[in-house]
Protein backbone atom coordinates (compact mmCIF):
# COMPACT_ATOMS: atom_id res chain seq x y z
CA MET A 1 0.14 -0.02 -0.14
CA THR A 2 1.35 3.30 -1.02
CA VAL A 3 1.04 6.75 1.15
CA GLU A 4 -1.29 7.90 -1.56
CA ASP A 5 -3.57 4.81 -1.08
CA SER A 6 -3.24 4.96 2.68
CA ASN A 7 -4.34 8.83 2.66
CA ILE A 8 -7.44 7.81 0.32
CA SER A 9 -8.19 5.28 2.74
CA ASP A 10 -8.22 7.28 5.58
CA GLN A 11 -10.57 10.00 3.97
CA GLY A 12 -12.68 7.25 3.12
CA ILE A 13 -13.14 5.95 6.61
CA GLN A 14 -13.49 9.49 8.32
CA LYS A 15 -16.33 9.94 5.62
CA GLN A 16 -17.50 6.65 6.80
CA GLU A 17 -17.66 7.49 10.45
CA THR A 18 -19.11 11.13 9.82
CA GLN A 19 -21.79 9.32 8.27
CA LEU A 20 -22.28 6.78 11.01
CA ALA A 21 -22.54 9.48 13.57
CA SER A 22 -24.53 11.45 11.94
CA GLU A 23 -26.99 8.43 11.10
CA GLN A 24 -27.17 7.76 14.89
CA ASP A 25 -28.33 11.32 15.77
CA GLY A 26 -31.11 10.45 13.28
CA PHE A 27 -29.73 12.71 10.76
CA SER A 28 -28.06 11.13 7.36
CA MET A 29 -25.68 13.59 5.24
CA SER A 30 -27.08 13.51 1.91
CA GLN A 31 -24.88 13.48 -1.39
CA GLU A 32 -27.83 16.11 -2.54
CA LEU A 33 -26.25 18.68 -0.38
CA PRO A 34 -23.86 21.01 -1.76
CA GLU A 35 -20.14 20.69 -1.43
CA GLU A 36 -19.86 23.45 0.67
CA ALA A 37 -22.76 22.58 3.15
CA ARG A 38 -21.10 19.12 3.50
CA LYS A 39 -17.72 20.94 4.45
CA ILE A 40 -19.72 22.78 7.18
CA LEU A 41 -21.31 19.87 8.32
CA GLU A 42 -18.26 17.70 8.57
CA ARG A 43 -16.44 20.83 10.57
CA LEU A 44 -19.33 20.88 12.84
CA HIS A 45 -19.45 16.77 13.17
CA ASN A 46 -17.50 16.46 16.45
CA ARG A 47 -18.25 19.89 18.05
CA PRO A 48 -21.02 19.92 20.82
CA GLU A 49 -24.40 21.47 19.66
CA SER A 50 -24.02 24.44 21.86
CA ASP A 51 -20.97 25.33 20.36
CA VAL A 52 -22.61 25.76 16.83
CA MET A 53 -22.54 29.63 16.18
CA ASN A 54 -25.29 31.59 14.56
CA SER A 55 -23.08 32.68 11.50
CA GLU A 56 -22.16 28.87 10.85
CA ALA A 57 -25.91 27.73 11.24
CA LEU A 58 -26.96 30.47 9.06
CA ARG A 59 -24.53 29.92 6.24
CA LEU A 60 -25.52 26.19 6.35
CA VAL A 61 -29.39 27.09 5.70
CA ARG A 62 -28.31 29.92 3.32
CA VAL A 63 -26.46 27.23 1.00
CA ILE A 64 -29.00 24.51 1.12
CA TRP A 65 -31.91 27.03 0.92
CA PRO A 66 -30.86 30.18 -1.33
CA GLY A 67 -34.24 31.43 -2.32
CA ALA A 68 -35.79 31.51 1.20
CA PHE A 69 -32.40 33.01 3.21
CA ASN A 70 -31.16 36.02 1.45
CA VAL A 71 -29.35 38.06 4.13
CA SER A 72 -29.34 41.04 2.06
CA ASN A 73 -32.94 41.25 1.01
CA PRO A 74 -34.92 39.01 3.28
CA ARG A 75 -38.48 38.22 2.79
CA PRO A 76 -41.02 36.84 5.45
CA LEU A 77 -40.97 33.24 6.02
CA LYS A 78 -43.55 30.75 6.06
CA ILE A 79 -45.25 30.35 9.29
CA GLY A 80 -44.20 26.70 10.16
CA ILE A 81 -40.84 26.64 8.06
CA HIS A 82 -39.18 24.65 10.66
CA LYS A 83 -40.88 21.82 10.27
CA GLU A 84 -40.53 21.87 6.32
CA MET A 85 -36.61 22.03 7.07
CA ALA A 86 -36.66 19.24 9.30
CA GLU A 87 -39.12 17.19 6.97
CA ALA A 88 -35.97 17.53 4.27
CA ASN A 89 -33.63 15.95 6.49
CA LEU A 90 -30.71 17.95 5.16
CA LEU A 91 -29.47 19.09 8.39
CA PRO A 92 -29.06 17.89 11.90
CA ALA A 93 -32.26 19.05 13.83
CA TYR A 94 -30.29 21.20 16.15
CA ILE A 95 -28.92 23.77 13.58
CA ILE A 96 -32.37 24.83 12.55
CA PRO A 97 -33.45 26.72 15.54
CA VAL A 98 -30.20 28.24 15.68
CA ALA A 99 -30.49 29.26 11.86
CA LEU A 100 -33.83 30.45 12.12
CA ARG A 101 -33.26 32.52 15.37
CA PHE A 102 -30.58 34.15 13.97
CA PHE A 103 -32.16 35.06 10.73
CA THR A 104 -35.39 36.25 12.11
CA SER A 105 -34.18 38.53 14.45
CA MET A 106 -31.85 40.49 12.28
CA GLU A 107 -32.73 44.05 11.84
CA ARG A 108 -33.23 43.88 7.89
CA TYR A 109 -35.67 40.82 8.51
CA LEU A 110 -37.80 42.32 11.02
CA GLU A 111 -38.31 45.54 9.02
CA LYS A 112 -39.73 43.42 6.12
CA ILE A 113 -42.32 41.96 8.30
CA LYS A 114 -45.44 44.36 7.50
CA PRO A 115 -49.04 43.65 7.23
CA GLY A 116 -49.91 41.83 3.87
CA ALA A 117 -46.55 41.13 2.99
CA THR A 118 -46.09 37.92 1.15
CA ARG A 119 -44.34 35.17 3.35
CA ILE A 120 -42.07 32.21 1.43
CA ASN A 121 -41.43 28.58 1.66
CA LEU A 122 -38.19 27.29 1.28
CA GLN A 123 -38.26 27.75 -2.54
CA GLY A 124 -38.95 31.11 -2.35
CA GLN A 125 -42.35 30.95 -3.67
CA ALA A 126 -45.55 32.41 -1.91
CA ALA A 127 -46.88 30.88 0.89
CA GLY A 128 -49.10 33.02 2.97
CA ARG A 129 -49.25 36.76 4.23
CA VAL A 130 -48.15 38.52 7.02
CA LYS A 131 -50.88 39.46 9.69
CA LEU A 132 -51.37 42.45 11.41
CA ARG A 133 -50.30 40.91 14.77
CA GLU A 134 -46.92 39.62 13.47
CA ALA A 135 -46.44 43.07 12.11
CA VAL A 136 -46.73 44.66 15.65
CA ASP A 137 -44.62 41.72 16.99
CA ALA A 138 -42.06 42.44 14.68
CA GLU A 139 -41.56 46.43 15.47
CA ILE A 140 -42.04 46.08 18.91
CA LYS A 141 -38.77 43.51 18.44
CA LEU A 142 -37.22 45.92 16.49
CA TYR A 143 -37.77 48.68 19.21
CA THR A 144 -36.29 46.36 22.01
CA GLN A 145 -33.11 45.84 19.93
CA SER A 146 -32.50 49.57 19.04
CA SER A 147 -30.59 51.73 21.49
CA ASP A 148 -33.20 54.16 22.17
CA PHE A 149 -35.35 51.48 23.99
CA ILE A 150 -32.16 50.82 26.02
CA THR A 151 -31.44 54.38 27.00
CA THR A 152 -35.16 54.86 27.71
CA ARG A 153 -35.31 51.72 29.70
CA ASP A 154 -31.93 52.70 31.67
CA LEU A 155 -33.91 55.97 32.68
CA ILE A 156 -36.73 54.17 34.02
CA ILE A 157 -35.17 51.88 36.28
CA ILE A 158 -32.95 55.00 37.41
CA LYS A 159 -36.30 56.58 38.26
CA LYS A 160 -37.70 53.73 39.99
CA VAL A 161 -34.63 53.19 42.07
CA ARG A 162 -34.53 57.10 43.34
CA LEU A 163 -38.56 56.22 43.87
CA LEU A 164 -37.76 53.48 46.07
CA SER A 165 -35.04 55.14 48.14
CA VAL A 166 -37.24 58.09 48.89
CA ASN A 167 -39.83 55.65 50.06
CA LYS A 168 -37.41 53.80 52.42
CA GLN A 169 -36.30 57.23 53.88
CA SER A 170 -39.94 58.29 54.79
């Protein structure tokens, strides 16, 4: 056996180990995945679930479903899209909520959540409309993430503390 044969054999064993471990988690790395997604998944393979970074999870879903996860021009996602992602069985289950939480809390995404806006599925096709309540929730989330809210919140807390200290002295 030559050194080259040995290296090829080692790579084959590593791929089999990755596939076996993935299958034990209820996830099998599909050959349908783009090469970039397979490389990211292989890098994440031996790391604990809690070590998966938001950006890594988002990069994975962007590579697999580019029509739905456009960071520069995001569109509201279909309600229940996480179920559709899980059913596709292209990613380990723990990556889906990390990616969705990160994507849907981005300022650009929240700004697109307006009443009547079209929601999209994984292929980027229309799949429902944004309701008024959802748009209001997005506006509240945007406000609570803004620096204006943080400054206002600090002022309110300071006033409450002063008020408490006055009450204690009486």
